[in-house]
Amino acid sequence: MSEFSWNSEVVNEPEPQQPDGQAAAPGTLALSANDFSALEERILRAVNVVKRERMARTEAEERAAQAEAQLREQTPLTEQLQNEVNALRAERDQVRQRVERLLSQFDALEL
């Protein structure tokens, strides 16, 4: 996220004198109008990024919910088709056994 790198710059200005003649506290950060504008722009960009990411997350959650609903709808059909495949395989095995029996009887006649 180099877009949001926060560079803090301390502007070294002469310390303003308080009305009673004392200097301001050392380490006080003075921001110029340009610095404040740059900070404001960065914050606005960050807010926009967060908004876009939230929208994208919402859309992704909606797509996931739709996919789950489709899956729930198709699960019974998938189970039915699997049962049909299993029944057809069992029938094929029965037919194969009958054909093998007939072929063995046919081979016995030719001797």
PDB file of N, CA and C in Angstrom:
ATOM      1  N   MET A   1       0.821  -1.178   0.000  1.00  0.00           N
ATOM      2  CA  MET A   1       0.000   0.000   0.000  1.00  0.00           C
ATOM      3  C   MET A   1       0.867   1.244   0.000  1.00  0.00           C
ATOM      4  N   SER A   2       1.727   1.337  -0.931  1.00  0.00           N
ATOM      5  CA  SER A   2       2.596   2.495  -0.989  1.00  0.00           C
ATOM      6  C   SER A   2       1.808   3.759  -1.262  1.00  0.00           C
ATOM      7  N   GLU A   3       0.574   3.600  -1.741  1.00  0.00           N
ATOM      8  CA  GLU A   3      -0.267   4.753  -2.021  1.00  0.00           C
ATOM      9  C   GLU A   3      -0.544   5.535  -0.750  1.00  0.00           C
ATOM     10  N   PHE A   4      -0.515   4.846   0.398  1.00  0.00           N
ATOM     11  CA  PHE A   4      -0.866   5.473   1.649  1.00  0.00           C
ATOM     12  C   PHE A   4       0.330   5.622   2.576  1.00  0.00           C
ATOM     13  N   SER A   5       1.479   5.850   2.022  1.00  0.00           N
ATOM     14  CA  SER A   5       2.633   6.030   2.893  1.00  0.00           C
ATOM     15  C   SER A   5       2.515   7.383   3.583  1.00  0.00           C
ATOM     16  N   TRP A   6       2.680   7.363   4.857  1.00  0.00           N
ATOM     17  CA  TRP A   6       2.541   8.582   5.641  1.00  0.00           C
ATOM     18  C   TRP A   6       3.939   9.104   5.969  1.00  0.00           C
ATOM     19  N   ASN A   7       4.283  10.174   5.353  1.00  0.00           N
ATOM     20  CA  ASN A   7       5.573  10.789   5.626  1.00  0.00           C
ATOM     21  C   ASN A   7       5.329  11.960   6.567  1.00  0.00           C
ATOM     22  N   SER A   8       5.831  11.821   7.775  1.00  0.00           N
ATOM     23  CA  SER A   8       5.650  12.935   8.702  1.00  0.00           C
ATOM     24  C   SER A   8       6.850  13.852   8.581  1.00  0.00           C
ATOM     25  N   GLU A   9       6.560  15.068   8.373  1.00  0.00           N
ATOM     26  CA  GLU A   9       7.616  16.058   8.249  1.00  0.00           C
ATOM     27  C   GLU A   9       7.381  17.127   9.308  1.00  0.00           C
ATOM     28  N   VAL A  10       8.372  17.378  10.050  1.00  0.00           N
ATOM     29  CA  VAL A  10       8.291  18.428  11.055  1.00  0.00           C
ATOM     30  C   VAL A  10       8.860  19.686  10.430  1.00  0.00           C
ATOM     31  N   VAL A  11       8.064  20.705  10.414  1.00  0.00           N
ATOM     32  CA  VAL A  11       8.507  21.973   9.850  1.00  0.00           C
ATOM     33  C   VAL A  11       9.207  22.744  10.959  1.00  0.00           C
ATOM     34  N   ASN A  12      10.449  23.031  10.708  1.00  0.00           N
ATOM     35  CA  ASN A  12      11.213  23.776  11.710  1.00  0.00           C
ATOM     36  C   ASN A  12      10.984  25.262  11.511  1.00  0.00           C
ATOM     37  N   GLU A  13      10.141  25.789  12.329  1.00  0.00           N
ATOM     38  CA  GLU A  13       9.865  27.227  12.299  1.00  0.00           C
ATOM     39  C   GLU A  13      10.264  27.785  13.649  1.00  0.00           C
ATOM     40  N   PRO A  14      10.527  29.019  13.679  1.00  0.00           N
ATOM     41  CA  PRO A  14      10.834  29.599  14.988  1.00  0.00           C
ATOM     42  C   PRO A  14       9.640  29.397  15.907  1.00  0.00           C
ATOM     43  N   GLU A  15       9.956  29.075  17.146  1.00  0.00           N
ATOM     44  CA  GLU A  15       8.898  28.802  18.104  1.00  0.00           C
ATOM     45  C   GLU A  15       8.161  30.099  18.413  1.00  0.00           C
ATOM     46  N   PRO A  16       6.827  30.041  18.259  1.00  0.00           N
ATOM     47  CA  PRO A  16       6.072  31.268  18.549  1.00  0.00           C
ATOM     48  C   PRO A  16       6.076  31.548  20.047  1.00  0.00           C
ATOM     49  N   GLN A  17       6.078  32.795  20.363  1.00  0.00           N
ATOM     50  CA  GLN A  17       6.074  33.201  21.760  1.00  0.00           C
ATOM     51  C   GLN A  17       4.630  33.276  22.235  1.00  0.00           C
ATOM     52  N   GLN A  18       4.390  32.726  23.380  1.00  0.00           N
ATOM     53  CA  GLN A  18       3.077  32.819  24.005  1.00  0.00           C
ATOM     54  C   GLN A  18       2.900  34.255  24.490  1.00  0.00           C
ATOM     55  N   PRO A  19       1.671  34.668  24.712  1.00  0.00           N
ATOM     56  CA  PRO A  19       1.450  36.053  25.155  1.00  0.00           C
ATOM     57  C   PRO A  19       2.202  36.396  26.441  1.00  0.00           C
ATOM     58  N   ASP A  20       2.467  35.411  27.269  1.00  0.00           N
ATOM     59  CA  ASP A  20       3.161  35.712  28.520  1.00  0.00           C
ATOM     60  C   ASP A  20       4.680  35.635  28.370  1.00  0.00           C
ATOM     61  N   GLY A  21       5.171  35.475  27.110  1.00  0.00           N
ATOM     62  CA  GLY A  21       6.598  35.494  26.857  1.00  0.00           C
ATOM     63  C   GLY A  21       7.254  34.137  26.857  1.00  0.00           C
ATOM     64  N   GLN A  22       6.516  33.027  27.056  1.00  0.00           N
ATOM     65  CA  GLN A  22       7.103  31.695  27.064  1.00  0.00           C
ATOM     66  C   GLN A  22       7.051  31.107  25.656  1.00  0.00           C
ATOM     67  N   ALA A  23       8.009  30.251  25.350  1.00  0.00           N
ATOM     68  CA  ALA A  23       8.052  29.588  24.039  1.00  0.00           C
ATOM     69  C   ALA A  23       7.060  28.441  24.035  1.00  0.00           C
ATOM     70  N   ALA A  24       6.597  28.046  22.814  1.00  0.00           N
ATOM     71  CA  ALA A  24       5.664  26.909  22.676  1.00  0.00           C
ATOM     72  C   ALA A  24       6.401  25.633  23.039  1.00  0.00           C
ATOM     73  N   ALA A  25       5.659  24.595  23.351  1.00  0.00           N
ATOM     74  CA  ALA A  25       6.245  23.314  23.757  1.00  0.00           C
ATOM     75  C   ALA A  25       7.103  22.753  22.637  1.00  0.00           C
ATOM     76  N   PRO A  26       8.306  22.239  22.969  1.00  0.00           N
ATOM     77  CA  PRO A  26       9.163  21.676  21.928  1.00  0.00           C
ATOM     78  C   PRO A  26       8.520  20.433  21.323  1.00  0.00           C
ATOM     79  N   GLY A  27       8.760  20.177  20.035  1.00  0.00           N
ATOM     80  CA  GLY A  27       8.221  19.004  19.349  1.00  0.00           C
ATOM     81  C   GLY A  27       6.828  19.240  18.800  1.00  0.00           C
ATOM     82  N   THR A  28       6.343  20.453  18.848  1.00  0.00           N
ATOM     83  CA  THR A  28       5.025  20.753  18.307  1.00  0.00           C
ATOM     84  C   THR A  28       5.102  20.657  16.791  1.00  0.00           C
ATOM     85  N   LEU A  29       4.152  19.963  16.202  1.00  0.00           N
ATOM     86  CA  LEU A  29       4.132  19.758  14.762  1.00  0.00           C
ATOM     87  C   LEU A  29       3.347  20.882  14.113  1.00  0.00           C
ATOM     88  N   ALA A  30       3.992  21.597  13.238  1.00  0.00           N
ATOM     89  CA  ALA A  30       3.329  22.678  12.529  1.00  0.00           C
ATOM     90  C   ALA A  30       3.048  22.212  11.104  1.00  0.00           C
ATOM     91  N   LEU A  31       1.799  22.295  10.694  1.00  0.00           N
ATOM     92  CA  LEU A  31       1.426  21.864   9.341  1.00  0.00           C
ATOM     93  C   LEU A  31       1.099  23.084   8.498  1.00  0.00           C
ATOM     94  N   SER A  32       1.625  23.105   7.309  1.00  0.00           N
ATOM     95  CA  SER A  32       1.287  24.188   6.404  1.00  0.00           C
ATOM     96  C   SER A  32      -0.014  23.830   5.695  1.00  0.00           C
ATOM     97  N   ALA A  33      -0.570  24.751   4.971  1.00  0.00           N
ATOM     98  CA  ALA A  33      -1.824  24.515   4.244  1.00  0.00           C
ATOM     99  C   ALA A  33      -1.625  23.422   3.198  1.00  0.00           C
ATOM    100  N   ASN A  34      -0.462  23.392   2.556  1.00  0.00           N
ATOM    101  CA  ASN A  34      -0.190  22.354   1.560  1.00  0.00           C
ATOM    102  C   ASN A  34      -0.113  20.975   2.202  1.00  0.00           C
ATOM    103  N   ASP A  35       0.549  20.903   3.360  1.00  0.00           N
ATOM    104  CA  ASP A  35       0.638  19.628   4.063  1.00  0.00           C
ATOM    105  C   ASP A  35      -0.742  19.150   4.468  1.00  0.00           C
ATOM    106  N   PHE A  36      -1.564  20.065   4.949  1.00  0.00           N
ATOM    107  CA  PHE A  36      -2.910  19.700   5.366  1.00  0.00           C
ATOM    108  C   PHE A  36      -3.732  19.238   4.161  1.00  0.00           C
ATOM    109  N   SER A  37      -3.597  19.901   3.026  1.00  0.00           N
ATOM    110  CA  SER A  37      -4.313  19.510   1.805  1.00  0.00           C
ATOM    111  C   SER A  37      -3.866  18.131   1.338  1.00  0.00           C
ATOM    112  N   ALA A  38      -2.569  17.865   1.411  1.00  0.00           N
ATOM    113  CA  ALA A  38      -2.053  16.553   1.007  1.00  0.00           C
ATOM    114  C   ALA A  38      -2.596  15.465   1.928  1.00  0.00           C
ATOM    115  N   LEU A  39      -2.631  15.759   3.222  1.00  0.00           N
ATOM    116  CA  LEU A  39      -3.181  14.801   4.187  1.00  0.00           C
ATOM    117  C   LEU A  39      -4.661  14.565   3.905  1.00  0.00           C
ATOM    118  N   GLU A  40      -5.376  15.628   3.629  1.00  0.00           N
ATOM    119  CA  GLU A  40      -6.807  15.508   3.321  1.00  0.00           C
ATOM    120  C   GLU A  40      -7.020  14.647   2.077  1.00  0.00           C
ATOM    121  N   GLU A  41      -6.199  14.845   1.042  1.00  0.00           N
ATOM    122  CA  GLU A  41      -6.313  14.042  -0.179  1.00  0.00           C
ATOM    123  C   GLU A  41      -6.033  12.574   0.109  1.00  0.00           C
ATOM    124  N   ARG A  42      -5.033  12.304   0.914  1.00  0.00           N
ATOM    125  CA  ARG A  42      -4.711  10.920   1.267  1.00  0.00           C
ATOM    126  C   ARG A  42      -5.865  10.263   2.019  1.00  0.00           C
ATOM    127  N   ILE A  43      -6.447  11.012   2.935  1.00  0.00           N
ATOM    128  CA  ILE A  43      -7.574  10.472   3.699  1.00  0.00           C
ATOM    129  C   ILE A  43      -8.752  10.203   2.771  1.00  0.00           C
ATOM    130  N   LEU A  44      -9.035  11.114   1.862  1.00  0.00           N
ATOM    131  CA  LEU A  44     -10.137  10.915   0.915  1.00  0.00           C
ATOM    132  C   LEU A  44      -9.884   9.698   0.029  1.00  0.00           C
ATOM    133  N   ARG A  45      -8.640   9.526  -0.415  1.00  0.00           N
ATOM    134  CA  ARG A  45      -8.316   8.337  -1.226  1.00  0.00           C
ATOM    135  C   ARG A  45      -8.510   7.070  -0.409  1.00  0.00           C
ATOM    136  N   ALA A  46      -8.088   7.103   0.842  1.00  0.00           N
ATOM    137  CA  ALA A  46      -8.255   5.935   1.710  1.00  0.00           C
ATOM    138  C   ALA A  46      -9.730   5.620   1.908  1.00  0.00           C
ATOM    139  N   VAL A  47     -10.542   6.639   2.110  1.00  0.00           N
ATOM    140  CA  VAL A  47     -11.990   6.438   2.269  1.00  0.00           C
ATOM    141  C   VAL A  47     -12.576   5.831   1.006  1.00  0.00           C
ATOM    142  N   ASN A  48     -12.160   6.324  -0.150  1.00  0.00           N
ATOM    143  CA  ASN A  48     -12.671   5.780  -1.416  1.00  0.00           C
ATOM    144  C   ASN A  48     -12.256   4.335  -1.614  1.00  0.00           C
ATOM    145  N   VAL A  49     -11.033   4.008  -1.240  1.00  0.00           N
ATOM    146  CA  VAL A  49     -10.572   2.618  -1.345  1.00  0.00           C
ATOM    147  C   VAL A  49     -11.406   1.715  -0.447  1.00  0.00           C
ATOM    148  N   VAL A  50     -11.662   2.167   0.765  1.00  0.00           N
ATOM    149  CA  VAL A  50     -12.468   1.374   1.695  1.00  0.00           C
ATOM    150  C   VAL A  50     -13.873   1.181   1.143  1.00  0.00           C
ATOM    151  N   LYS A  51     -14.466   2.235   0.585  1.00  0.00           N
ATOM    152  CA  LYS A  51     -15.808   2.123  -0.003  1.00  0.00           C
ATOM    153  C   LYS A  51     -15.827   1.110  -1.132  1.00  0.00           C
ATOM    154  N   ARG A  52     -14.828   1.193  -2.037  1.00  0.00           N
ATOM    155  CA  ARG A  52     -14.772   0.250  -3.166  1.00  0.00           C
ATOM    156  C   ARG A  52     -14.609  -1.182  -2.677  1.00  0.00           C
ATOM    157  N   GLU A  53     -13.755  -1.364  -1.688  1.00  0.00           N
ATOM    158  CA  GLU A  53     -13.527  -2.714  -1.163  1.00  0.00           C
ATOM    159  C   GLU A  53     -14.777  -3.259  -0.482  1.00  0.00           C
ATOM    160  N   ARG A  54     -15.497  -2.422   0.224  1.00  0.00           N
ATOM    161  CA  ARG A  54     -16.750  -2.871   0.852  1.00  0.00           C
ATOM    162  C   ARG A  54     -17.778  -3.266  -0.205  1.00  0.00           C
ATOM    163  N   MET A  55     -17.866  -2.469  -1.276  1.00  0.00           N
ATOM    164  CA  MET A  55     -18.802  -2.804  -2.352  1.00  0.00           C
ATOM    165  C   MET A  55     -18.403  -4.118  -3.003  1.00  0.00           C
ATOM    166  N   ALA A  56     -17.119  -4.289  -3.251  1.00  0.00           N
ATOM    167  CA  ALA A  56     -16.643  -5.529  -3.867  1.00  0.00           C
ATOM    168  C   ALA A  56     -16.915  -6.716  -2.948  1.00  0.00           C
ATOM    169  N   ARG A  57     -16.737  -6.529  -1.656  1.00  0.00           N
ATOM    170  CA  ARG A  57     -17.012  -7.612  -0.703  1.00  0.00           C
ATOM    171  C   ARG A  57     -18.492  -7.969  -0.703  1.00  0.00           C
ATOM    172  N   THR A  58     -19.349  -6.958  -0.725  1.00  0.00           N
ATOM    173  CA  THR A  58     -20.793  -7.198  -0.750  1.00  0.00           C
ATOM    174  C   THR A  58     -21.186  -7.959  -2.007  1.00  0.00           C
ATOM    175  N   GLU A  59     -20.645  -7.545  -3.141  1.00  0.00           N
ATOM    176  CA  GLU A  59     -20.940  -8.232  -4.400  1.00  0.00           C
ATOM    177  C   GLU A  59     -20.448  -9.675  -4.361  1.00  0.00           C
ATOM    178  N   ALA A  60     -19.269  -9.893  -3.816  1.00  0.00           N
ATOM    179  CA  ALA A  60     -18.726 -11.247  -3.727  1.00  0.00           C
ATOM    180  C   ALA A  60     -19.583 -12.116  -2.808  1.00  0.00           C
ATOM    181  N   GLU A  61     -20.050 -11.544  -1.711  1.00  0.00           N
ATOM    182  CA  GLU A  61     -20.917 -12.302  -0.802  1.00  0.00           C
ATOM    183  C   GLU A  61     -22.240 -12.662  -1.477  1.00  0.00           C
ATOM    184  N   GLU A  62     -22.774 -11.734  -2.281  1.00  0.00           N
ATOM    185  CA  GLU A  62     -24.014 -12.016  -3.012  1.00  0.00           C
ATOM    186  C   GLU A  62     -23.801 -13.131  -4.026  1.00  0.00           C
ATOM    187  N   ARG A  63     -22.680 -13.073  -4.751  1.00  0.00           N
ATOM    188  CA  ARG A  63     -22.387 -14.134  -5.730  1.00  0.00           C
ATOM    189  C   ARG A  63     -22.212 -15.477  -5.039  1.00  0.00           C
ATOM    190  N   ALA A  64     -21.569 -15.479  -3.884  1.00  0.00           N
ATOM    191  CA  ALA A  64     -21.373 -16.719  -3.136  1.00  0.00           C
ATOM    192  C   ALA A  64     -22.714 -17.279  -2.661  1.00  0.00           C
ATOM    193  N   ALA A  65     -23.600 -16.404  -2.217  1.00  0.00           N
ATOM    194  CA  ALA A  65     -24.924 -16.856  -1.767  1.00  0.00           C
ATOM    195  C   ALA A  65     -25.711 -17.436  -2.937  1.00  0.00           C
ATOM    196  N   GLN A  66     -25.610 -16.811  -4.113  1.00  0.00           N
ATOM    197  CA  GLN A  66     -26.297 -17.334  -5.297  1.00  0.00           C
ATOM    198  C   GLN A  66     -25.727 -18.690  -5.691  1.00  0.00           C
ATOM    199  N   ALA A  67     -24.421 -18.834  -5.628  1.00  0.00           N
ATOM    200  CA  ALA A  67     -23.796 -20.117  -5.980  1.00  0.00           C
ATOM    201  C   ALA A  67     -24.217 -21.210  -5.001  1.00  0.00           C
ATOM    202  N   GLU A  68     -24.297 -20.872  -3.728  1.00  0.00           N
ATOM    203  CA  GLU A  68     -24.737 -21.849  -2.734  1.00  0.00           C
ATOM    204  C   GLU A  68     -26.184 -22.254  -2.976  1.00  0.00           C
ATOM    205  N   ALA A  69     -27.038 -21.298  -3.346  1.00  0.00           N
ATOM    206  CA  ALA A  69     -28.438 -21.604  -3.634  1.00  0.00           C
ATOM    207  C   ALA A  69     -28.540 -22.537  -4.844  1.00  0.00           C
ATOM    208  N   GLN A  70     -27.754 -22.262  -5.889  1.00  0.00           N
ATOM    209  CA  GLN A  70     -27.755 -23.129  -7.069  1.00  0.00           C
ATOM    210  C   GLN A  70     -27.273 -24.530  -6.700  1.00  0.00           C
ATOM    211  N   LEU A  71     -26.278 -24.601  -5.861  1.00  0.00           N
ATOM    212  CA  LEU A  71     -25.757 -25.894  -5.435  1.00  0.00           C
ATOM    213  C   LEU A  71     -26.826 -26.679  -4.681  1.00  0.00           C
ATOM    214  N   ARG A  72     -27.535 -26.005  -3.794  1.00  0.00           N
ATOM    215  CA  ARG A  72     -28.612 -26.676  -3.050  1.00  0.00           C
ATOM    216  C   ARG A  72     -29.708 -27.164  -3.991  1.00  0.00           C
ATOM    217  N   GLU A  73     -30.003 -26.386  -5.035  1.00  0.00           N
ATOM    218  CA  GLU A  73     -31.028 -26.780  -5.997  1.00  0.00           C
ATOM    219  C   GLU A  73     -30.577 -27.982  -6.821  1.00  0.00           C
ATOM    220  N   GLN A  74     -29.310 -28.052  -7.154  1.00  0.00           N
ATOM    221  CA  GLN A  74     -28.817 -29.099  -8.039  1.00  0.00           C
ATOM    222  C   GLN A  74     -28.403 -30.368  -7.313  1.00  0.00           C
ATOM    223  N   THR A  75     -28.270 -30.321  -6.008  1.00  0.00           N
ATOM    224  CA  THR A  75     -27.850 -31.501  -5.254  1.00  0.00           C
ATOM    225  C   THR A  75     -28.810 -32.675  -5.421  1.00  0.00           C
ATOM    226  N   PRO A  76     -30.131 -32.476  -5.313  1.00  0.00           N
ATOM    227  CA  PRO A  76     -31.030 -33.624  -5.518  1.00  0.00           C
ATOM    228  C   PRO A  76     -30.923 -34.210  -6.924  1.00  0.00           C
ATOM    229  N   LEU A  77     -30.781 -33.365  -7.925  1.00  0.00           N
ATOM    230  CA  LEU A  77     -30.636 -33.854  -9.296  1.00  0.00           C
ATOM    231  C   LEU A  77     -29.356 -34.666  -9.441  1.00  0.00           C
ATOM    232  N   THR A  78     -28.280 -34.192  -8.847  1.00  0.00           N
ATOM    233  CA  THR A  78     -27.007 -34.915  -8.899  1.00  0.00           C
ATOM    234  C   THR A  78     -27.135 -36.283  -8.236  1.00  0.00           C
ATOM    235  N   GLU A  79     -27.801 -36.312  -7.089  1.00  0.00           N
ATOM    236  CA  GLU A  79     -27.992 -37.589  -6.397  1.00  0.00           C
ATOM    237  C   GLU A  79     -28.844 -38.537  -7.238  1.00  0.00           C
ATOM    238  N   GLN A  80     -29.888 -38.001  -7.870  1.00  0.00           N
ATOM    239  CA  GLN A  80     -30.750 -38.828  -8.728  1.00  0.00           C
ATOM    240  C   GLN A  80     -29.956 -39.391  -9.898  1.00  0.00           C
ATOM    241  N   LEU A  81     -29.145 -38.563 -10.527  1.00  0.00           N
ATOM    242  CA  LEU A  81     -28.345 -39.027 -11.657  1.00  0.00           C
ATOM    243  C   LEU A  81     -27.320 -40.069 -11.217  1.00  0.00           C
ATOM    244  N   GLN A  82     -26.738 -39.890 -10.046  1.00  0.00           N
ATOM    245  CA  GLN A  82     -25.787 -40.878  -9.536  1.00  0.00           C
ATOM    246  C   GLN A  82     -26.476 -42.206  -9.290  1.00  0.00           C
ATOM    247  N   ASN A  83     -27.689 -42.171  -8.748  1.00  0.00           N
ATOM    248  CA  ASN A  83     -28.450 -43.403  -8.541  1.00  0.00           C
ATOM    249  C   ASN A  83     -28.754 -44.101  -9.867  1.00  0.00           C
ATOM    250  N   GLU A  84     -29.105 -43.310 -10.889  1.00  0.00           N
ATOM    251  CA  GLU A  84     -29.378 -43.888 -12.211  1.00  0.00           C
ATOM    252  C   GLU A  84     -28.123 -44.530 -12.795  1.00  0.00           C
ATOM    253  N   VAL A  85     -26.985 -43.864 -12.654  1.00  0.00           N
ATOM    254  CA  VAL A  85     -25.722 -44.415 -13.151  1.00  0.00           C
ATOM    255  C   VAL A  85     -25.425 -45.738 -12.447  1.00  0.00           C
ATOM    256  N   ASN A  86     -25.608 -45.788 -11.130  1.00  0.00           N
ATOM    257  CA  ASN A  86     -25.369 -47.019 -10.382  1.00  0.00           C
ATOM    258  C   ASN A  86     -26.313 -48.132 -10.846  1.00  0.00           C
ATOM    259  N   ALA A  87     -27.586 -47.809 -11.084  1.00  0.00           N
ATOM    260  CA  ALA A  87     -28.550 -48.805 -11.553  1.00  0.00           C
ATOM    261  C   ALA A  87     -28.163 -49.310 -12.943  1.00  0.00           C
ATOM    262  N   LEU A  88     -27.731 -48.412 -13.817  1.00  0.00           N
ATOM    263  CA  LEU A  88     -27.324 -48.816 -15.171  1.00  0.00           C
ATOM    264  C   LEU A  88     -26.076 -49.691 -15.135  1.00  0.00           C
ATOM    265  N   ARG A  89     -25.164 -49.401 -14.247  1.00  0.00           N
ATOM    266  CA  ARG A  89     -23.975 -50.254 -14.118  1.00  0.00           C
ATOM    267  C   ARG A  89     -24.351 -51.648 -13.619  1.00  0.00           C
ATOM    268  N   ALA A  90     -25.247 -51.701 -12.655  1.00  0.00           N
ATOM    269  CA  ALA A  90     -25.689 -53.012 -12.152  1.00  0.00           C
ATOM    270  C   ALA A  90     -26.395 -53.791 -13.265  1.00  0.00           C
ATOM    271  N   GLU A  91     -27.223 -53.112 -14.042  1.00  0.00           N
ATOM    272  CA  GLU A  91     -27.911 -53.765 -15.163  1.00  0.00           C
ATOM    273  C   GLU A  91     -26.907 -54.246 -16.203  1.00  0.00           C
ATOM    274  N   ARG A  92     -25.901 -53.451 -16.488  1.00  0.00           N
ATOM    275  CA  ARG A  92     -24.871 -53.840 -17.449  1.00  0.00           C
ATOM    276  C   ARG A  92     -24.133 -55.089 -16.972  1.00  0.00           C
ATOM    277  N   ASP A  93     -23.822 -55.152 -15.679  1.00  0.00           N
ATOM    278  CA  ASP A  93     -23.149 -56.335 -15.139  1.00  0.00           C
ATOM    279  C   ASP A  93     -24.027 -57.577 -15.274  1.00  0.00           C
ATOM    280  N   GLN A  94     -25.333 -57.433 -15.037  1.00  0.00           N
ATOM    281  CA  GLN A  94     -26.251 -58.561 -15.191  1.00  0.00           C
ATOM    282  C   GLN A  94     -26.305 -59.029 -16.642  1.00  0.00           C
ATOM    283  N   VAL A  95     -26.364 -58.081 -17.577  1.00  0.00           N
ATOM    284  CA  VAL A  95     -26.404 -58.437 -18.996  1.00  0.00           C
ATOM    285  C   VAL A  95     -25.098 -59.121 -19.402  1.00  0.00           C
ATOM    286  N   ARG A  96     -23.979 -58.626 -18.916  1.00  0.00           N
ATOM    287  CA  ARG A  96     -22.684 -59.227 -19.226  1.00  0.00           C
ATOM    288  C   ARG A  96     -22.635 -60.674 -18.724  1.00  0.00           C
ATOM    289  N   GLN A  97     -23.112 -60.899 -17.516  1.00  0.00           N
ATOM    290  CA  GLN A  97     -23.125 -62.263 -16.970  1.00  0.00           C
ATOM    291  C   GLN A  97     -24.021 -63.179 -17.806  1.00  0.00           C
ATOM    292  N   ARG A  98     -25.175 -62.696 -18.239  1.00  0.00           N
ATOM    293  CA  ARG A  98     -26.084 -63.520 -19.064  1.00  0.00           C
ATOM    294  C   ARG A  98     -25.447 -63.835 -20.411  1.00  0.00           C
ATOM    295  N   VAL A  99     -24.779 -62.828 -21.005  1.00  0.00           N
ATOM    296  CA  VAL A  99     -24.131 -63.057 -22.305  1.00  0.00           C
ATOM    297  C   VAL A  99     -22.993 -64.060 -22.144  1.00  0.00           C
ATOM    298  N   GLU A 100     -22.210 -63.950 -21.097  1.00  0.00           N
ATOM    299  CA  GLU A 100     -21.126 -64.901 -20.863  1.00  0.00           C
ATOM    300  C   GLU A 100     -21.677 -66.316 -20.667  1.00  0.00           C
ATOM    301  N   ARG A 101     -22.784 -66.444 -19.964  1.00  0.00           N
ATOM    302  CA  ARG A 101     -23.413 -67.752 -19.761  1.00  0.00           C
ATOM    303  C   ARG A 101     -23.884 -68.326 -21.104  1.00  0.00           C
ATOM    304  N   LEU A 102     -24.514 -67.478 -21.932  1.00  0.00           N
ATOM    305  CA  LEU A 102     -24.978 -67.942 -23.248  1.00  0.00           C
ATOM    306  C   LEU A 102     -23.798 -68.357 -24.131  1.00  0.00           C
ATOM    307  N   LEU A 103     -22.714 -67.586 -24.081  1.00  0.00           N
ATOM    308  CA  LEU A 103     -21.542 -67.915 -24.892  1.00  0.00           C
ATOM    309  C   LEU A 103     -20.907 -69.227 -24.420  1.00  0.00           C
ATOM    310  N   SER A 104     -20.879 -69.432 -23.126  1.00  0.00           N
ATOM    311  CA  SER A 104     -20.316 -70.696 -22.637  1.00  0.00           C
ATOM    312  C   SER A 104     -21.197 -71.875 -23.051  1.00  0.00           C
ATOM    313  N   GLN A 105     -22.518 -71.692 -23.067  1.00  0.00           N
ATOM    314  CA  GLN A 105     -23.415 -72.759 -23.535  1.00  0.00           C
ATOM    315  C   GLN A 105     -23.223 -73.001 -25.029  1.00  0.00           C
ATOM    316  N   PHE A 106     -22.996 -71.933 -25.780  1.00  0.00           N
ATOM    317  CA  PHE A 106     -22.791 -72.050 -27.215  1.00  0.00           C
ATOM    318  C   PHE A 106     -21.473 -72.801 -27.502  1.00  0.00           C
ATOM    319  N   ASP A 107     -20.436 -72.487 -26.719  1.00  0.00           N
ATOM    320  CA  ASP A 107     -19.161 -73.173 -26.870  1.00  0.00           C
ATOM    321  C   ASP A 107     -19.300 -74.661 -26.544  1.00  0.00           C
ATOM    322  N   ALA A 108     -20.139 -75.023 -25.588  1.00  0.00           N
ATOM    323  CA  ALA A 108     -20.354 -76.424 -25.208  1.00  0.00           C
ATOM    324  C   ALA A 108     -21.050 -77.174 -26.327  1.00  0.00           C
ATOM    325  N   LEU A 109     -21.876 -76.553 -27.124  1.00  0.00           N
ATOM    326  CA  LEU A 109     -22.587 -77.211 -28.235  1.00  0.00           C
ATOM    327  C   LEU A 109     -21.633 -77.536 -29.380  1.00  0.00           C
ATOM    328  N   GLU A 110     -20.634 -76.785 -29.604  1.00  0.00           N
ATOM    329  CA  GLU A 110     -19.738 -76.973 -30.737  1.00  0.00           C
ATOM    330  C   GLU A 110     -18.741 -78.104 -30.506  1.00  0.00           C
ATOM    331  N   LEU A 111     -18.597 -78.610 -29.335  1.00  0.00           N
ATOM    332  CA  LEU A 111     -17.660 -79.695 -29.072  1.00  0.00           C
ATOM    333  C   LEU A 111     -18.176 -80.922 -29.653  1.00  0.00           C
TER     334      LEU A 111
END
